[in-house]
Amino acid sequence: MRDDMGMTIEDVIEECKVFYFAGMETTSVLLTWTMVVLSMDPEWQDRAREEVTALFGRDGKPEYDGLSRLKVVTMVLYEVLRLYPPATSVVRQTYKEMEVGGVTYPARRDPGAACAAHPP
């Protein structure tokens, strides 16, 4: 069932799947590259380990409140994201015919391609 102003329940479910799988993929890519980068630099690996151990203890369970105090780990994660971004491009697609800035885009088209073809 679709009204003219919204998405069908199937559209919403599909969008939720995209967010779920994209989130899993980007998180796994970040963690994988972080392990690779830390394995290449034992000094930063030691710094990150010491920070986590000092904050949570050797056998302690990381707590949510303490995560914001992980400065070295945060720096490492930001550097990995800078060096190896999980998504290099985002492709968007119209779900129905629409007009933006005087240009009409048909359904299921990438507006970015039209922008390249029709510069301002």
C-alpha atoms as a PDB file:
ATOM      1  CA  MET A   1       0.000   0.000   0.000  1.00  0.00           C
ATOM      2  CA  ARG A   2       1.525   3.340  -1.029  1.00  0.00           C
ATOM      3  CA  ASP A   3       0.270   6.830  -0.558  1.00  0.00           C
ATOM      4  CA  ASP A   4       1.616   9.598  -2.749  1.00  0.00           C
ATOM      5  CA  MET A   5       3.776  11.091  -0.011  1.00  0.00           C
ATOM      6  CA  GLY A   6       5.593   8.095   1.414  1.00  0.00           C
ATOM      7  CA  MET A   7       7.236   4.742   1.003  1.00  0.00           C
ATOM      8  CA  THR A   8       5.639   1.330   1.114  1.00  0.00           C
ATOM      9  CA  ILE A   9       6.355  -0.949   4.061  1.00  0.00           C
ATOM     10  CA  GLU A  10       8.459  -3.052   1.672  1.00  0.00           C
ATOM     11  CA  ASP A  11      10.530   0.047   0.796  1.00  0.00           C
ATOM     12  CA  VAL A  12      11.103   0.726   4.493  1.00  0.00           C
ATOM     13  CA  ILE A  13      12.151  -2.880   5.122  1.00  0.00           C
ATOM     14  CA  GLU A  14      14.604  -2.750   2.211  1.00  0.00           C
ATOM     15  CA  GLU A  15      16.096   0.514   3.503  1.00  0.00           C
ATOM     16  CA  CYS A  16      16.505  -1.040   6.965  1.00  0.00           C
ATOM     17  CA  LYS A  17      18.344  -3.996   5.417  1.00  0.00           C
ATOM     18  CA  VAL A  18      20.694  -1.610   3.614  1.00  0.00           C
ATOM     19  CA  PHE A  19      21.498   0.229   6.862  1.00  0.00           C
ATOM     20  CA  TYR A  20      22.014  -3.040   8.729  1.00  0.00           C
ATOM     21  CA  PHE A  21      24.341  -4.632   6.182  1.00  0.00           C
ATOM     22  CA  ALA A  22      26.184  -1.388   5.426  1.00  0.00           C
ATOM     23  CA  GLY A  23      26.784  -0.896   9.147  1.00  0.00           C
ATOM     24  CA  MET A  24      28.128  -4.421   9.525  1.00  0.00           C
ATOM     25  CA  GLU A  25      30.369  -4.030   6.490  1.00  0.00           C
ATOM     26  CA  THR A  26      31.821  -0.663   7.467  1.00  0.00           C
ATOM     27  CA  THR A  27      32.458  -1.789  11.041  1.00  0.00           C
ATOM     28  CA  SER A  28      34.214  -4.961   9.924  1.00  0.00           C
ATOM     29  CA  VAL A  29      36.325  -3.017   7.414  1.00  0.00           C
ATOM     30  CA  LEU A  30      37.318  -0.485  10.107  1.00  0.00           C
ATOM     31  CA  LEU A  31      38.276  -3.185  12.595  1.00  0.00           C
ATOM     32  CA  THR A  32      40.197  -5.185   9.999  1.00  0.00           C
ATOM     33  CA  TRP A  33      42.237  -2.183   8.843  1.00  0.00           C
ATOM     34  CA  THR A  34      42.822  -1.149  12.462  1.00  0.00           C
ATOM     35  CA  MET A  35      44.347  -4.555  13.196  1.00  0.00           C
ATOM     36  CA  VAL A  36      46.531  -4.306  10.086  1.00  0.00           C
ATOM     37  CA  VAL A  37      47.715  -0.775  10.900  1.00  0.00           C
ATOM     38  CA  LEU A  38      48.431  -1.614  14.542  1.00  0.00           C
ATOM     39  CA  SER A  39      50.346  -4.741  13.518  1.00  0.00           C
ATOM     40  CA  MET A  40      52.602  -2.525  11.366  1.00  0.00           C
ATOM     41  CA  ASP A  41      53.384  -0.160  14.243  1.00  0.00           C
ATOM     42  CA  PRO A  42      54.098  -1.959  17.539  1.00  0.00           C
ATOM     43  CA  GLU A  43      54.683   1.353  19.369  1.00  0.00           C
ATOM     44  CA  TRP A  44      51.117   2.557  18.730  1.00  0.00           C
ATOM     45  CA  GLN A  45      49.829  -0.933  19.444  1.00  0.00           C
ATOM     46  CA  ASP A  46      51.509  -0.747  22.869  1.00  0.00           C
ATOM     47  CA  ARG A  47      50.144   2.761  23.509  1.00  0.00           C
ATOM     48  CA  ALA A  48      46.595   1.662  22.713  1.00  0.00           C
ATOM     49  CA  ARG A  49      46.935  -1.480  24.839  1.00  0.00           C
ATOM     50  CA  GLU A  50      48.350   0.482  27.784  1.00  0.00           C
ATOM     51  CA  GLU A  51      45.528   3.023  27.581  1.00  0.00           C
ATOM     52  CA  VAL A  52      42.814   0.334  27.557  1.00  0.00           C
ATOM     53  CA  THR A  53      44.507  -1.590  30.383  1.00  0.00           C
ATOM     54  CA  ALA A  54      44.959   1.562  32.494  1.00  0.00           C
ATOM     55  CA  LEU A  55      41.324   2.553  32.057  1.00  0.00           C
ATOM     56  CA  PHE A  56      39.577  -0.821  32.340  1.00  0.00           C
ATOM     57  CA  GLY A  57      42.150  -3.068  34.019  1.00  0.00           C
ATOM     58  CA  ARG A  58      43.608  -6.300  32.714  1.00  0.00           C
ATOM     59  CA  ASP A  59      40.511  -8.392  33.229  1.00  0.00           C
ATOM     60  CA  GLY A  60      37.983  -5.572  33.338  1.00  0.00           C
ATOM     61  CA  LYS A  61      35.036  -5.341  31.021  1.00  0.00           C
ATOM     62  CA  PRO A  62      34.974  -2.104  28.964  1.00  0.00           C
ATOM     63  CA  GLU A  63      32.148   0.130  30.113  1.00  0.00           C
ATOM     64  CA  TYR A  64      30.288   2.580  27.910  1.00  0.00           C
ATOM     65  CA  ASP A  65      31.217   5.599  30.045  1.00  0.00           C
ATOM     66  CA  GLY A  66      34.916   4.840  29.731  1.00  0.00           C
ATOM     67  CA  LEU A  67      34.931   4.602  25.937  1.00  0.00           C
ATOM     68  CA  SER A  68      34.922   8.389  25.530  1.00  0.00           C
ATOM     69  CA  ARG A  69      38.171   8.586  27.538  1.00  0.00           C
ATOM     70  CA  LEU A  70      40.095   6.370  25.100  1.00  0.00           C
ATOM     71  CA  LYS A  71      42.089   9.150  23.427  1.00  0.00           C
ATOM     72  CA  VAL A  72      44.839   7.022  21.820  1.00  0.00           C
ATOM     73  CA  VAL A  73      42.384   4.416  20.555  1.00  0.00           C
ATOM     74  CA  THR A  74      40.193   7.190  19.131  1.00  0.00           C
ATOM     75  CA  MET A  75      43.193   8.725  17.341  1.00  0.00           C
ATOM     76  CA  VAL A  76      44.090   5.336  15.864  1.00  0.00           C
ATOM     77  CA  LEU A  77      40.527   4.735  14.661  1.00  0.00           C
ATOM     78  CA  TYR A  78      40.306   8.204  13.075  1.00  0.00           C
ATOM     79  CA  GLU A  79      43.638   7.698  11.328  1.00  0.00           C
ATOM     80  CA  VAL A  80      42.514   4.328   9.964  1.00  0.00           C
ATOM     81  CA  LEU A  81      39.289   5.916   8.702  1.00  0.00           C
ATOM     82  CA  ARG A  82      41.319   8.644   7.022  1.00  0.00           C
ATOM     83  CA  LEU A  83      43.698   6.178   5.360  1.00  0.00           C
ATOM     84  CA  TYR A  84      41.165   3.478   4.506  1.00  0.00           C
ATOM     85  CA  PRO A  85      37.640   4.910   4.298  1.00  0.00           C
ATOM     86  CA  PRO A  86      34.961   2.211   4.281  1.00  0.00           C
ATOM     87  CA  ALA A  87      33.027   3.833   1.424  1.00  0.00           C
ATOM     88  CA  THR A  88      34.733   5.710  -1.368  1.00  0.00           C
ATOM     89  CA  SER A  89      31.528   6.759  -3.070  1.00  0.00           C
ATOM     90  CA  VAL A  90      27.830   6.843  -2.418  1.00  0.00           C
ATOM     91  CA  VAL A  91      25.402   6.143  -5.216  1.00  0.00           C
ATOM     92  CA  ARG A  92      21.959   7.625  -4.848  1.00  0.00           C
ATOM     93  CA  GLN A  93      18.921   6.763  -6.870  1.00  0.00           C
ATOM     94  CA  THR A  94      15.535   8.406  -7.250  1.00  0.00           C
ATOM     95  CA  TYR A  95      12.619   6.175  -6.298  1.00  0.00           C
ATOM     96  CA  LYS A  96      10.128   8.158  -8.353  1.00  0.00           C
ATOM     97  CA  GLU A  97      10.252  10.871 -11.001  1.00  0.00           C
ATOM     98  CA  MET A  98      11.223  14.174  -9.394  1.00  0.00           C
ATOM     99  CA  GLU A  99      12.313  17.670 -10.299  1.00  0.00           C
ATOM    100  CA  VAL A 100      15.243  19.348  -8.573  1.00  0.00           C
ATOM    101  CA  GLY A 101      16.592  22.716  -9.608  1.00  0.00           C
ATOM    102  CA  GLY A 102      14.676  22.695 -12.860  1.00  0.00           C
ATOM    103  CA  VAL A 103      16.005  19.279 -13.886  1.00  0.00           C
ATOM    104  CA  THR A 104      13.601  16.326 -14.059  1.00  0.00           C
ATOM    105  CA  TYR A 105      15.006  12.952 -13.001  1.00  0.00           C
ATOM    106  CA  PRO A 106      13.183   9.761 -14.005  1.00  0.00           C
ATOM    107  CA  ALA A 107      12.577   6.995 -11.457  1.00  0.00           C
ATOM    108  CA  ARG A 108      15.532   4.736 -10.607  1.00  0.00           C
ATOM    109  CA  ARG A 109      18.181   7.147 -11.907  1.00  0.00           C
ATOM    110  CA  ASP A 110      21.377   8.448 -10.341  1.00  0.00           C
ATOM    111  CA  PRO A 111      21.043  12.254 -10.055  1.00  0.00           C
ATOM    112  CA  GLY A 112      24.830  12.544  -9.876  1.00  0.00           C
ATOM    113  CA  ALA A 113      25.189  11.375 -13.453  1.00  0.00           C
ATOM    114  CA  ALA A 114      22.829  14.130 -14.590  1.00  0.00           C
ATOM    115  CA  CYS A 115      24.809  16.725 -12.614  1.00  0.00           C
ATOM    116  CA  ALA A 116      27.960  15.771 -14.493  1.00  0.00           C
ATOM    117  CA  ALA A 117      26.115  16.028 -17.811  1.00  0.00           C
ATOM    118  CA  HIS A 118      24.448  19.361 -16.956  1.00  0.00           C
ATOM    119  CA  PRO A 119      26.923  21.567 -15.075  1.00  0.00           C
ATOM    120  CA  PRO A 120      25.480  24.723 -13.483  1.00  0.00           C
END
